[in-house]
Protein backbone atom coordinates (compact mmCIF):
# COMPACT_ATOMS: atom_id res chain seq x y z
CA MET A 1 52.26 65.10 64.68
CA GLN A 2 54.18 62.11 66.00
CA LEU A 3 57.95 62.95 66.35
CA PHE A 4 60.73 60.71 67.26
CA THR A 5 63.97 60.78 69.13
CA LYS A 6 67.26 59.02 68.85
CA GLY A 7 67.01 55.67 71.06
CA ARG A 8 69.27 55.52 74.00
CA ASN A 9 69.45 51.63 74.07
CA GLY A 10 69.46 51.13 70.31
CA PRO A 11 67.32 49.18 67.97
CA ASN A 12 66.61 45.56 68.64
CA ILE A 13 69.12 44.40 65.97
CA PHE A 14 71.91 45.41 68.24
CA THR A 15 70.49 44.64 71.74
CA ARG A 16 68.87 41.28 71.32
CA GLU A 17 70.98 38.34 72.71
CA ARG A 18 72.48 35.97 70.16
CA GLN A 19 74.39 32.79 70.43
CA THR A 20 77.72 34.21 69.33
CA LYS A 21 81.13 34.98 70.95
CA LEU A 22 81.18 38.55 69.38
CA PRO A 23 79.06 41.47 70.61
CA ASN A 24 76.51 42.42 68.08
CA GLU A 25 78.21 45.84 67.55
CA ILE A 26 81.36 44.07 66.29
CA GLY A 27 79.75 41.24 64.70
CA PHE A 28 77.58 43.23 62.23
CA ARG A 29 80.55 45.44 61.30
CA ILE A 30 82.54 42.43 60.42
CA THR A 31 79.62 41.10 58.41
CA ALA A 32 79.19 44.25 56.68
CA ILE A 33 82.97 44.31 55.66
CA ARG A 34 82.95 40.77 54.57
CA GLU A 35 79.85 41.37 52.18
CA THR A 36 81.53 44.33 50.78
CA PHE A 37 84.48 42.41 49.95
CA GLU A 38 82.43 39.68 48.42
CA GLU A 39 80.35 41.63 46.37
CA SER A 40 82.83 44.61 45.13
CA GLY A 41 86.31 43.33 46.01
CA VAL A 42 86.89 46.23 48.34
CA LEU A 43 88.44 44.98 51.40
CA LEU A 44 88.25 47.56 54.31
CA ALA A 45 91.04 46.34 56.45
CA ARG A 46 94.21 47.53 58.22
CA PRO A 47 97.54 45.68 59.18
CA LEU A 48 97.50 43.79 62.59
CA SER A 49 100.43 46.18 63.49
CA ASP A 50 97.99 49.10 63.54
CA LEU A 51 95.55 47.47 66.23
CA LYS A 52 97.23 48.75 69.20
CA ASP A 53 97.10 52.42 68.00
CA LEU A 54 93.57 51.98 66.61
CA VAL A 55 92.11 50.85 69.92
CA HIS A 56 93.71 53.76 71.77
CA LEU A 57 92.73 56.15 68.96
CA SER A 58 89.06 55.01 68.86
CA SER A 59 88.58 55.30 72.70
CA SER A 60 90.35 58.87 72.99
CA SER A 61 89.94 60.48 69.68
CA HIS A 62 87.87 63.61 69.21
CA HIS A 63 87.63 63.40 65.48
CA PRO A 64 86.33 60.74 63.17
CA ILE A 65 88.40 57.84 61.71
CA GLY A 66 88.45 57.37 57.89
CA ALA A 67 88.51 54.09 56.42
CA THR A 68 91.49 52.08 54.92
CA TYR A 69 91.15 49.60 52.21
CA CYS A 70 93.65 46.48 51.69
CA ASN A 71 94.68 46.58 48.07
CA LEU A 72 95.23 42.84 47.31
CA PRO A 73 96.48 41.69 43.98
CA ILE A 74 93.54 40.71 41.82
CA LYS A 75 94.39 36.93 41.74
CA THR A 76 94.56 36.81 45.48
CA SER A 77 91.31 38.91 45.81
CA MET A 78 89.36 36.59 43.45
CA SER A 79 90.52 33.49 45.23
CA TRP A 80 89.63 34.64 48.58
CA ARG A 81 86.40 35.94 47.34
CA ASN A 82 85.56 32.79 45.81
CA LYS A 83 86.37 30.82 49.19
CA ILE A 84 84.25 33.16 51.21
CA ILE A 85 81.24 32.99 49.00
CA SER A 86 81.34 29.12 49.53
CA ASP A 87 82.12 29.52 53.36
CA PRO A 88 81.76 32.68 55.10
CA SER A 89 84.13 31.58 57.96
CA LYS A 90 86.94 31.78 55.44
CA PHE A 91 86.85 35.67 55.94
CA ILE A 92 88.58 35.23 59.40
CA SER A 93 90.94 32.71 57.99
CA MET A 94 92.00 35.24 55.17
CA CYS A 95 92.47 38.02 57.90
CA LYS A 96 94.74 35.86 59.78
CA GLU A 97 96.86 34.58 56.83
CA LEU A 98 97.27 38.10 55.41
CA GLU A 99 97.75 39.60 58.99
CA ILE A 100 95.16 42.07 58.62
CA THR A 101 92.12 43.17 60.80
CA PRO A 102 88.62 44.33 59.56
CA ASP A 103 88.45 48.03 59.83
CA ILE A 104 85.41 48.07 62.11
CA TRP A 105 86.52 51.48 63.63
CA SER A 106 85.62 53.26 60.54
CA LEU A 107 82.03 52.08 60.20
CA TYR A 108 79.57 54.53 61.80
CA GLU A 109 76.06 53.40 62.71
CA TRP A 110 73.52 55.42 60.31
CA SER A 111 70.10 53.77 60.30
CA ASN A 112 68.04 50.64 60.86
CA TRP A 113 65.28 49.25 58.62
CA LEU A 114 62.62 46.60 59.34
CA THR A 115 60.74 45.43 56.23
CA PRO A 116 56.89 45.45 56.79
CA PRO A 117 55.13 42.32 57.67
CA LEU A 118 54.31 40.99 54.39
CA LYS A 119 54.24 37.33 53.26
CA GLY A 120 57.59 35.94 52.92
CA SER A 121 60.97 36.76 54.54
CA ARG A 122 61.39 39.92 56.53
CA PHE A 123 64.58 41.79 56.82
CA ASP A 124 66.02 43.74 59.82
CA THR A 125 69.02 45.64 58.52
CA ALA A 126 71.60 47.95 59.83
CA PHE A 127 72.96 50.62 57.62
CA PHE A 128 76.55 51.76 58.13
CA ILE A 129 78.57 54.85 56.84
CA CYS A 130 82.21 54.39 55.88
CA CYS A 131 84.19 56.92 54.15
CA VAL A 132 87.25 55.89 52.01
CA ASP A 133 89.15 58.07 49.65
CA GLU A 134 89.49 55.64 46.87
CA ALA A 135 89.35 51.96 46.26
CA PRO A 136 89.30 50.15 43.04
CA LEU A 137 86.40 47.87 42.29
CA VAL A 138 87.05 44.11 41.25
CA TYR A 139 83.90 42.63 40.05
CA ASP A 140 83.37 39.00 38.98
CA SER A 141 80.58 36.79 37.38
CA ASN A 142 79.35 35.53 40.81
CA GLU A 143 78.34 38.37 42.87
CA THR A 144 78.44 41.38 40.44
CA GLU A 145 78.48 41.79 36.83
CA GLU A 146 79.81 45.38 36.66
CA GLY A 147 81.16 47.71 39.23
CA VAL A 148 81.23 51.60 39.15
CA TRP A 149 81.30 54.38 41.62
CA LEU A 150 78.44 56.76 41.78
CA SER A 151 77.55 59.74 43.98
CA PRO A 152 74.04 59.69 45.85
CA SER A 153 72.65 61.81 43.11
CA GLY A 154 74.10 59.90 40.35
CA THR A 155 72.55 56.82 41.84
CA LEU A 156 69.19 58.49 42.18
CA LYS A 157 69.31 59.66 38.68
CA ALA A 158 69.97 56.28 37.38
CA CYS A 159 67.09 54.90 39.31
CA ALA A 160 64.85 57.69 38.02
CA GLU A 161 65.90 56.68 34.46
CA GLU A 162 65.28 53.00 35.29
CA ILE A 163 68.93 51.97 34.81
CA VAL A 164 69.15 50.57 38.33
CA ALA A 165 66.40 49.34 40.73
CA LEU A 166 66.29 50.69 44.34
CA ALA A 167 64.06 49.65 47.30
CA PRO A 168 62.33 52.48 49.16
CA PRO A 169 64.83 52.41 52.11
CA GLN A 170 67.64 52.77 49.51
CA ILE A 171 66.03 55.70 47.80
CA TYR A 172 65.41 57.34 51.32
CA GLU A 173 68.97 56.98 52.52
CA LEU A 174 70.36 58.26 49.28
CA SER A 175 68.04 61.20 49.48
CA ARG A 176 69.56 61.99 52.82
CA LEU A 177 73.11 61.62 51.49
CA LYS A 178 72.45 64.24 48.77
CA HIS A 179 72.78 67.05 51.23
CA PHE A 180 76.63 66.66 51.40
CA THR A 181 78.88 68.07 48.97
CA ASN A 182 82.09 66.07 49.95
CA ILE A 183 83.09 63.14 51.82
CA ASP A 184 84.72 65.09 54.69
CA GLU A 185 81.41 66.61 55.60
CA LEU A 186 79.76 63.43 55.60
CA LEU A 187 82.32 61.75 57.78
CA SER A 188 81.89 64.52 60.30
CA VAL A 189 78.16 64.17 60.38
CA ALA A 190 78.27 60.33 60.41
CA TRP A 191 80.84 60.52 63.46
CA THR A 192 78.79 63.04 65.38
CA ASN A 193 75.53 60.98 64.74
CA SER A 194 77.21 57.93 66.07
CA PHE A 195 77.05 59.19 69.59
CA TYR A 196 73.22 58.60 69.34
CA ARG A 197 71.52 55.31 68.72
CA SER A 198 69.61 54.48 65.73
CA GLU A 199 65.76 53.93 66.01
CA GLN A 200 64.31 51.02 64.12
CA TRP A 201 62.30 52.18 61.09
CA MET A 202 59.43 49.99 59.68
CA PRO A 203 57.36 51.59 56.82
CA VAL A 204 53.61 51.25 57.28
CA ILE A 205 52.05 50.49 53.84
CA LEU A 206 48.82 51.99 52.97
CA GLN A 207 46.72 51.29 49.78
CA SER A 208 44.83 54.39 48.48
CA GLN A 209 42.55 54.86 45.59
CA ASP A 210 45.46 55.53 43.21
CA CYS A 211 48.81 54.55 44.84
CA LEU A 212 50.65 52.68 47.33
CA ILE A 213 52.07 54.73 50.39
CA PHE A 214 55.08 53.77 52.42
CA ALA A 215 54.57 56.01 55.45
CA LEU A 216 57.49 56.58 57.83
CA PRO A 217 57.91 58.03 61.51
CA GLY A 218 57.00 61.70 61.75
CA ASP A 219 54.25 61.45 58.89
CA ASP A 220 50.66 62.23 59.93
CA LEU A 221 49.72 58.71 58.29
CA TYR A 222 52.13 56.87 60.59
CA PRO A 223 50.44 55.07 63.63
CA THR A 224 51.33 56.13 67.16
CA ASP A 225 51.97 52.40 67.82
CA PRO A 226 52.85 50.62 64.61
CA ASP A 227 52.12 46.94 64.45
CA LEU A 228 55.56 45.36 64.18
CA THR A 229 54.48 41.85 63.86
CA GLY A 230 51.44 42.28 61.39
CA GLU A 231 49.03 40.24 63.98
CA LEU A 232 46.72 43.06 64.70
CA THR A 233 46.54 45.05 61.27
CA SER A 234 46.22 44.12 57.70
CA CYS A 235 49.01 44.73 55.37
CA PRO A 236 48.71 47.03 53.47
CA MET A 237 46.14 49.22 55.29
CA ILE A 238 43.28 50.29 52.99
CA ARG A 239 42.34 54.24 52.61
CA THR A 240 39.44 55.17 50.44
CA GLU A 241 40.87 58.67 49.59
CA THR A 242 43.12 59.58 46.62
CA LEU A 243 46.88 60.56 47.11
CA ASP A 244 45.88 64.27 46.58
CA GLU A 245 43.22 63.95 49.11
CA LEU A 246 45.66 62.29 51.63
CA GLN A 247 48.33 65.01 51.03
CA VAL A 248 45.79 67.54 52.39
CA LEU A 249 44.16 65.73 55.09
CA PHE A 250 47.58 64.62 56.44
CA PRO A 251 49.96 67.54 55.64
CA HIS A 252 53.03 66.49 57.41
CA HIS A 253 54.87 64.34 54.97
CA ASN A 254 57.42 61.72 55.38
CA ARG A 255 56.41 59.13 52.90
CA ILE A 256 57.37 57.20 49.66
CA VAL A 257 54.54 56.79 47.09
CA LEU A 258 54.52 54.17 44.25
CA HIS A 259 51.91 55.57 41.87
CA ARG A 260 50.00 53.22 39.39
CA ASN A 261 52.22 54.36 36.41
CA LYS A 262 55.10 52.80 38.46
CA GLN A 263 56.62 56.15 39.24
CA MET A 264 57.97 56.58 42.55
CA SER A 265 57.89 59.75 44.65
CA LEU A 266 59.49 60.67 48.01
CA TYR A 267 57.72 63.54 50.02
CA CYS A 268 59.27 64.95 53.06
CA ASN A 269 58.25 68.50 54.29
CA LEU A 270 59.36 67.85 57.97
CA HIS A 271 62.24 70.14 59.27
CA ASP A 272 65.43 68.44 60.27
CA LEU A 273 64.85 67.00 63.80
CA PRO A 274 67.62 66.85 66.47
CA GLY A 275 70.29 64.25 65.44
CA TYR A 276 68.52 63.33 62.27
CA LEU A 277 68.97 64.60 58.74
CA MET A 278 65.80 64.47 56.52
CA PRO A 279 65.69 63.45 52.83
CA GLN A 280 65.42 65.57 49.87
CA GLN A 281 62.36 65.19 47.61
CA PHE A 282 62.80 62.57 44.86
CA ASN A 283 60.72 61.53 41.85
CA THR A 284 61.27 59.12 39.14
CA THR A 285 60.23 59.64 35.58
CA PRO A 286 58.53 56.64 34.03
CA LYS A 287 59.27 55.81 30.42
CA THR A 288 56.71 56.78 27.76
CA ILE A 289 54.52 53.81 26.77
CA ALA A 290 53.40 53.80 23.15
CA VAL A 291 49.92 53.02 22.53
């Protein structure tokens, strides 16, 4: 069984060099805050007057920092969002004009996912956790059509009922968040885990006789040295067994399965590993098709 540990240097998304004036750690957090504002109207920002205290607090604090949102008037929010959608650099202009700073101190590194080497674009994505007590959603006709706050369980339920569509990494991460009963508990764990670095996770896709399997680190089906580029192995890899047979032959599970009837299942029977919270099981229920 292949286990994994928290990386010391961090995944490539944070460590590789870029032609930018900002360190990757800061740049990605600002990007995440800007995207959140574009898509939901929730602006995670603090007054510039808080900046000196925040820098001192973040470097010496022994407890996590919760997020603060900037409650802009709706017309002001909509105006700036339209400008930023057309030109992302306007986000910094907005911060200067409103005398605010993106609340990067409240974002905690959670995970890093790399899409498999299929045809087309690939995505190397950092997930952050940010905890805020409340924030009104302001949706528009450009980025979003409707906005609603949902719990992880509620979001997965909506996915199971085919109300929303979620990709495997989203299902996996939400299934991890189901462990928490309140936001304070989540914030504490996210802060503690931030002392470790994430590892880059890339699902390995396998085609069995009756399903498509997205194998993840720790799973017996996951290769010891995965081919990150797709140059050495075909994608998906072909298995001649059925899912039931593979479940027995490779008993340590950390996999997402897409069945032929479009049902999606998450199987994980690994124990929690140091510094990592494993997901809870998940299954969608496909709609009955009339014959």
